[in-house]
Amino acid sequence: MAGRLVKIPQISYASTAPELSDNTRYDFFSRVVPPDSYQAQAMMDIVTAMGWNYVSTLASEGNYGESGVEAFVQISRETVLLSSLLCCAEGYVV
């Protein structure tokens, strides 16, 4: 990022990509919105609360949509109680 080259802080109002949380690579970058992992955790909480065991994903093509789905699938695999009970169908990108 150019901000690192000239040591100018950059503040984003819309960037949610989890890669941007890496402070060693993006030490002059800050954001005012949480990363995709927060939204993915909220989605997982809904799946758990509703008792669903089969879900499918639909995302827009690009970093925001696809990274969000990746975060959701990762969280679903890390959730020990649900990993054997939840089936994530093949996702679709539009």
Protein backbone atom coordinates (compact mmCIF):
# COMPACT_ATOMS: atom_id res chain seq x y z
CA MET A 1 0.00 0.00 0.00
CA ALA A 2 1.17 3.50 -0.76
CA GLY A 3 0.54 4.57 2.84
CA ARG A 4 3.31 2.31 4.06
CA LEU A 5 5.75 3.62 1.50
CA VAL A 6 5.37 7.22 2.62
CA LYS A 7 4.19 6.43 6.18
CA ILE A 8 0.76 8.03 5.79
CA PRO A 9 -2.05 6.48 7.83
CA GLN A 10 -5.01 5.21 5.80
CA ILE A 11 -8.46 4.87 7.35
CA SER A 12 -11.09 2.90 5.47
CA TYR A 13 -14.83 3.16 5.99
CA ALA A 14 -15.71 0.05 3.96
CA SER A 15 -12.82 -2.47 3.80
CA THR A 16 -13.76 -5.72 5.54
CA ALA A 17 -11.21 -8.15 4.08
CA PRO A 18 -9.60 -10.19 6.88
CA GLU A 19 -6.16 -9.87 5.25
CA LEU A 20 -6.15 -6.20 6.22
CA SER A 21 -6.06 -7.18 9.91
CA ASP A 22 -2.40 -8.19 9.48
CA ASN A 23 -0.62 -5.29 11.20
CA THR A 24 2.80 -6.49 10.04
CA ARG A 25 1.81 -5.96 6.39
CA TYR A 26 -0.62 -3.08 6.81
CA ASP A 27 0.85 -1.15 9.72
CA PHE A 28 -0.51 2.21 8.50
CA PHE A 29 -4.00 0.90 7.76
CA SER A 30 -7.04 1.22 10.03
CA ARG A 31 -10.72 0.69 9.45
CA VAL A 32 -13.93 1.78 11.08
CA VAL A 33 -15.87 -1.42 10.26
CA PRO A 34 -15.12 -4.91 11.59
CA PRO A 35 -13.54 -7.62 9.41
CA ASP A 36 -15.61 -10.31 7.64
CA SER A 37 -14.98 -12.74 10.50
CA TYR A 38 -17.42 -10.79 12.73
CA GLN A 39 -20.20 -11.05 10.15
CA ALA A 40 -19.41 -14.73 9.58
CA GLN A 41 -19.61 -15.39 13.33
CA ALA A 42 -23.00 -13.64 13.46
CA MET A 43 -24.20 -15.86 10.60
CA MET A 44 -22.95 -18.93 12.47
CA ASP A 45 -24.78 -17.78 15.60
CA ILE A 46 -28.02 -17.57 13.58
CA VAL A 47 -27.49 -21.08 12.15
CA THR A 48 -26.89 -22.41 15.67
CA ALA A 49 -29.88 -20.60 17.19
CA MET A 50 -32.21 -21.83 14.46
CA GLY A 51 -30.95 -25.41 14.75
CA TRP A 52 -30.19 -25.65 11.04
CA ASN A 53 -27.92 -28.46 9.85
CA TYR A 54 -27.80 -27.74 6.11
CA VAL A 55 -26.96 -24.37 4.61
CA SER A 56 -25.97 -23.03 1.22
CA THR A 57 -24.11 -19.82 0.46
CA LEU A 58 -24.59 -17.19 -2.20
CA ALA A 59 -22.01 -14.43 -2.57
CA SER A 60 -21.07 -11.67 -4.93
CA GLU A 61 -17.88 -12.17 -6.91
CA GLY A 62 -14.93 -10.36 -5.40
CA ASN A 63 -13.03 -9.96 -2.18
CA TYR A 64 -15.99 -8.99 0.04
CA GLY A 65 -18.41 -11.75 -0.92
CA GLU A 66 -16.00 -14.61 -1.39
CA SER A 67 -13.93 -13.79 1.71
CA GLY A 68 -17.10 -13.64 3.77
CA VAL A 69 -18.14 -17.11 2.64
CA GLU A 70 -14.65 -18.47 3.30
CA ALA A 71 -14.78 -17.03 6.83
CA PHE A 72 -18.22 -18.57 7.41
CA VAL A 73 -17.10 -22.02 6.23
CA GLN A 74 -13.95 -21.80 8.36
CA ILE A 75 -15.93 -20.84 11.47
CA SER A 76 -18.40 -23.66 10.85
CA ARG A 77 -15.51 -26.15 10.71
CA GLU A 78 -13.94 -24.74 13.88
CA THR A 79 -17.17 -25.00 15.84
CA VAL A 80 -16.59 -28.41 17.41
CA LEU A 81 -20.22 -29.16 18.22
CA LEU A 82 -21.41 -28.26 14.74
CA SER A 83 -18.58 -29.56 12.57
CA SER A 84 -20.11 -33.03 12.43
CA LEU A 85 -23.71 -31.78 12.30
CA LEU A 86 -23.58 -28.90 9.81
CA CYS A 87 -23.38 -29.47 6.07
CA CYS A 88 -22.29 -26.49 3.99
CA ALA A 89 -23.52 -27.14 0.47
CA GLU A 90 -21.51 -25.96 -2.50
CA GLY A 91 -21.53 -22.18 -2.53
CA TYR A 92 -22.47 -20.04 -5.47
CA VAL A 93 -20.75 -16.86 -6.63
CA VAL A 94 -22.62 -14.39 -8.81
